[in-house]
Amino acid sequence: MTPRSAPRIAILNPNSTQRMTDEMVTSARASITGMADVIGLTNHRGPASIQGPDDAERCLEGLFAVVEESRGMGVDAIVIGCFDDTGLATLRASAGLPVIGMGEAGCIAGSLAAKHFAVVTSLDVSIPVIAENIRTMRLDDRCAGVHASGVPVLELNNGHGIRRVQEAINTVADQHPGCSIVLGCGGMTALAPRITAPGTSRVIDPVVAAVHLCLAALS
């Protein structure tokens, strides 16, 4: 077990799908073994997945309650486990500890990994929020677009979903050779080891990027 003297990072899943929380925690722990204690909390009052602004609005009350629960568990940093960075501005202003948005972390990592980055997400409805977040981060001049795979969040892990995501990544890499490709959904983290980065492209798992940024913020 990781000693309690190590920092404690909480990944907060704004949706109610426990499997997704568990997958994000598994990826995070594997990427920073021994460097931090990673826990996951699920907003059981939220929608099963977050696909667009309506779902994001429905999750906020429960998400804010989960934040308070995590603070009671003595966490040192929080990751918002949704690529839309749901509630990020409010939580960063009020939590009193580092709050890292998964989408923010993934896009920053993507912009550092190559001259340009692109995002491959789930459905078209998710594109406007992600694109606006990228503009807010002032990374839009480095972004080669936000692209939908056409796969709903809860279907990402089946064989058909993985094939569609890989096809979308291949298309983006062909259109923008050498760009880094950010997986635009926390639900894609279990796919990351099964995805091939074409050519000189690099695939970025935002869950991994987020927990490493937590460690940087706490250093």
Protein backbone atom coordinates (compact mmCIF):
# COMPACT_ATOMS: atom_id res chain seq x y z
CA MET A 1 0.00 0.00 0.00
CA THR A 2 1.06 3.58 -0.61
CA PRO A 3 2.12 5.29 2.66
CA ARG A 4 -0.38 7.89 3.87
CA SER A 5 2.46 10.41 3.90
CA ALA A 6 2.16 10.45 0.12
CA PRO A 7 -0.31 12.97 -1.29
CA ARG A 8 -3.90 11.84 -1.72
CA ILE A 9 -5.57 12.60 -5.04
CA ALA A 10 -9.31 12.20 -5.54
CA ILE A 11 -10.74 11.57 -8.99
CA LEU A 12 -14.33 12.78 -8.88
CA ASN A 13 -16.61 11.27 -11.50
CA PRO A 14 -19.48 13.70 -12.21
CA ASN A 15 -21.59 10.91 -13.72
CA SER A 16 -23.11 7.95 -11.91
CA THR A 17 -21.33 5.09 -13.71
CA GLN A 18 -19.14 3.39 -11.11
CA ARG A 19 -17.29 1.36 -13.74
CA MET A 20 -15.95 4.56 -15.26
CA THR A 21 -14.71 5.77 -11.88
CA ASP A 22 -12.94 2.47 -11.28
CA GLU A 23 -11.30 2.56 -14.71
CA MET A 24 -10.00 6.08 -14.20
CA VAL A 25 -8.57 5.20 -10.78
CA THR A 26 -6.90 2.09 -12.20
CA SER A 27 -5.23 4.10 -14.98
CA ALA A 28 -4.15 6.84 -12.60
CA ARG A 29 -2.67 4.45 -10.04
CA ALA A 30 -0.75 2.55 -12.70
CA SER A 31 0.77 5.77 -14.04
CA ILE A 32 2.06 7.09 -10.70
CA THR A 33 2.70 3.91 -8.71
CA GLY A 34 4.03 4.72 -5.26
CA MET A 35 3.93 8.48 -5.82
CA ALA A 36 0.42 9.17 -4.52
CA ASP A 37 -2.67 7.59 -3.03
CA VAL A 38 -5.44 7.81 -5.66
CA ILE A 39 -9.08 7.38 -4.69
CA GLY A 40 -12.25 7.68 -6.72
CA LEU A 41 -15.67 9.07 -5.80
CA THR A 42 -18.79 8.80 -7.94
CA ASN A 43 -21.66 11.24 -8.19
CA HIS A 44 -24.52 8.75 -7.88
CA ARG A 45 -27.01 11.62 -8.29
CA GLY A 46 -25.74 12.43 -11.77
CA PRO A 47 -26.66 11.11 -15.22
CA ALA A 48 -25.11 7.83 -16.36
CA SER A 49 -22.84 9.75 -18.75
CA ILE A 50 -22.14 13.36 -19.65
CA GLN A 51 -22.69 14.11 -23.30
CA GLY A 52 -23.23 17.82 -23.83
CA PRO A 53 -24.22 20.80 -21.67
CA ASP A 54 -27.60 19.47 -20.51
CA ASP A 55 -26.00 16.43 -18.85
CA ALA A 56 -23.33 18.67 -17.33
CA GLU A 57 -25.95 20.93 -15.77
CA ARG A 58 -27.77 17.94 -14.27
CA CYS A 59 -24.64 16.68 -12.52
CA LEU A 60 -23.51 19.86 -10.76
CA GLU A 61 -25.41 19.66 -7.47
CA GLY A 62 -24.29 16.10 -6.85
CA LEU A 63 -20.73 16.84 -7.97
CA PHE A 64 -20.39 19.70 -5.50
CA ALA A 65 -21.58 17.38 -2.73
CA VAL A 66 -18.97 14.79 -3.73
CA VAL A 67 -16.29 17.50 -3.54
CA GLU A 68 -17.23 18.13 0.08
CA GLU A 69 -17.09 14.39 0.76
CA SER A 70 -13.58 14.22 -0.69
CA ARG A 71 -12.43 17.16 1.42
CA GLY A 72 -13.61 15.26 4.49
CA MET A 73 -11.33 12.40 3.42
CA GLY A 74 -8.27 14.62 3.61
CA VAL A 75 -7.45 14.81 -0.09
CA ASP A 76 -4.65 17.09 -1.26
CA ALA A 77 -5.81 17.57 -4.85
CA ILE A 78 -8.89 16.89 -6.96
CA VAL A 79 -9.29 15.74 -10.55
CA ILE A 80 -12.62 16.43 -12.25
CA GLY A 81 -13.13 13.13 -14.05
CA CYS A 82 -14.89 14.48 -17.12
CA PHE A 83 -13.26 15.86 -20.25
CA ASP A 84 -15.81 18.71 -20.28
CA ASP A 85 -14.16 19.99 -17.06
CA THR A 86 -17.61 20.17 -15.51
CA GLY A 87 -17.78 22.71 -12.67
CA LEU A 88 -14.04 23.40 -12.86
CA ALA A 89 -14.08 27.21 -12.54
CA THR A 90 -16.43 27.14 -9.54
CA LEU A 91 -14.49 24.42 -7.75
CA ARG A 92 -11.09 25.95 -8.41
CA ALA A 93 -12.31 29.22 -6.90
CA SER A 94 -13.79 27.60 -3.80
CA ALA A 95 -12.10 24.30 -2.98
CA GLY A 96 -8.97 25.68 -1.31
CA LEU A 97 -6.75 23.01 -2.90
CA PRO A 98 -5.53 22.21 -6.41
CA VAL A 99 -8.37 21.24 -8.78
CA ILE A 100 -7.32 19.84 -12.13
CA GLY A 101 -9.69 19.52 -15.06
CA MET A 102 -9.15 16.36 -17.06
CA GLY A 103 -9.82 18.12 -20.35
CA GLU A 104 -7.51 20.96 -19.41
CA ALA A 105 -4.74 18.53 -18.45
CA GLY A 106 -5.11 16.46 -21.60
CA CYS A 107 -5.00 19.49 -23.89
CA ILE A 108 -2.00 21.00 -22.11
CA ALA A 109 -0.16 17.68 -22.39
CA GLY A 110 -1.15 17.40 -26.04
CA SER A 111 0.11 20.91 -26.77
CA LEU A 112 3.45 20.04 -25.16
CA ALA A 113 3.82 16.70 -26.94
CA ALA A 114 3.67 18.12 -30.46
CA LYS A 115 3.33 21.35 -32.41
CA HIS A 116 -0.40 20.70 -32.73
CA PHE A 117 -2.90 18.50 -30.95
CA ALA A 118 -6.36 17.20 -31.81
CA VAL A 119 -9.11 15.78 -29.62
CA VAL A 120 -11.08 12.63 -30.42
CA THR A 121 -14.24 12.46 -28.32
CA SER A 122 -17.50 10.54 -28.23
CA LEU A 123 -20.45 12.28 -29.96
CA ASP A 124 -20.96 15.50 -31.92
CA VAL A 125 -22.94 16.98 -29.00
CA SER A 126 -19.73 17.05 -26.96
CA ILE A 127 -17.75 19.09 -29.48
CA PRO A 128 -18.99 22.67 -28.72
CA VAL A 129 -18.20 22.51 -24.99
CA ILE A 130 -14.74 21.06 -25.57
CA ALA A 131 -13.96 23.55 -28.33
CA GLU A 132 -15.02 26.47 -26.11
CA ASN A 133 -12.87 25.16 -23.25
CA ILE A 134 -9.89 25.01 -25.59
CA ARG A 135 -10.51 28.63 -26.62
CA THR A 136 -10.72 29.63 -22.95
CA MET A 137 -7.36 27.91 -22.36
CA ARG A 138 -5.99 29.96 -25.30
CA LEU A 139 -4.84 26.77 -26.99
CA ASP A 140 -7.10 27.07 -30.03
CA ASP A 141 -4.22 28.13 -32.28
CA ARG A 142 -2.47 24.85 -31.41
CA CYS A 143 -5.59 22.69 -31.84
CA ALA A 144 -6.20 20.74 -35.05
CA GLY A 145 -9.85 20.30 -34.17
CA VAL A 146 -12.23 18.34 -31.96
CA HIS A 147 -13.46 15.22 -33.71
CA ALA A 148 -16.32 12.90 -32.76
CA SER A 149 -15.89 9.13 -33.04
CA GLY A 150 -19.66 8.66 -33.13
CA VAL A 151 -19.57 6.30 -30.15
CA PRO A 152 -21.73 7.04 -27.05
CA VAL A 153 -19.76 7.15 -23.81
CA LEU A 154 -21.28 3.97 -22.38
CA GLU A 155 -20.44 2.02 -25.54
CA LEU A 156 -16.78 3.00 -25.79
CA ASN A 157 -15.42 -0.21 -24.28
CA ASN A 158 -17.10 -2.74 -26.54
CA GLY A 159 -15.38 -4.07 -29.66
CA HIS A 160 -17.34 -1.84 -32.02
CA GLY A 161 -16.59 1.24 -29.91
CA ILE A 162 -12.86 0.58 -29.84
CA ARG A 163 -12.78 0.10 -33.62
CA ARG A 164 -14.64 3.37 -34.21
CA VAL A 165 -12.32 5.30 -31.89
CA GLN A 166 -9.26 3.82 -33.59
CA GLU A 167 -10.69 4.72 -37.01
CA ALA A 168 -11.26 8.31 -35.87
CA ILE A 169 -7.70 8.52 -34.55
CA ASN A 170 -6.33 7.12 -37.82
CA THR A 171 -8.28 9.72 -39.80
CA VAL A 172 -7.05 12.60 -37.65
CA ALA A 173 -3.45 11.37 -37.82
CA ASP A 174 -3.73 11.13 -41.61
CA GLN A 175 -5.10 14.68 -41.87
CA HIS A 176 -2.62 16.14 -39.36
CA PRO A 177 0.59 14.07 -39.46
CA GLY A 178 2.60 14.15 -36.27
CA CYS A 179 -0.03 15.85 -34.13
CA SER A 180 -0.72 14.52 -30.65
CA ILE A 181 -4.18 13.04 -30.24
CA VAL A 182 -5.96 13.58 -26.95
CA LEU A 183 -8.61 11.07 -25.91
CA GLY A 184 -11.57 13.36 -25.25
CA CYS A 185 -13.46 11.38 -22.62
CA GLY A 186 -12.61 9.88 -19.24
CA GLY A 187 -14.41 6.76 -20.41
CA MET A 188 -11.68 6.21 -23.00
CA THR A 189 -8.96 5.58 -20.42
CA ALA A 190 -9.46 1.80 -20.50
CA LEU A 191 -9.04 1.94 -24.28
CA ALA A 192 -5.73 3.78 -24.17
CA PRO A 193 -3.50 0.67 -23.94
CA ARG A 194 -5.39 -0.85 -26.88
CA ILE A 195 -5.14 2.20 -29.16
CA THR A 196 -2.37 2.49 -31.73
CA ALA A 197 -0.85 5.88 -32.44
CA PRO A 198 -0.32 6.07 -36.21
CA GLY A 199 2.99 7.29 -37.63
CA THR A 200 4.70 9.84 -35.39
CA SER A 201 1.51 10.77 -33.57
CA ARG A 202 1.21 10.30 -29.83
CA VAL A 203 -2.02 9.40 -28.01
CA ILE A 204 -2.61 11.29 -24.74
CA ASP A 205 -4.71 9.77 -21.95
CA PRO A 206 -6.15 12.76 -20.04
CA VAL A 207 -6.54 10.72 -16.85
CA VAL A 208 -2.79 10.14 -16.76
CA ALA A 209 -2.08 13.76 -17.66
CA ALA A 210 -4.37 15.00 -14.88
CA VAL A 211 -2.81 13.01 -12.03
CA HIS A 212 0.69 14.01 -13.13
CA LEU A 213 -0.39 17.67 -13.14
CA CYS A 214 -1.73 17.14 -9.61
CA LEU A 215 1.69 15.99 -8.50
CA ALA A 216 3.26 19.01 -10.19
CA ALA A 217 0.81 21.34 -8.44
CA LEU A 218 1.63 19.74 -5.09
CA SER A 219 5.41 19.71 -5.51
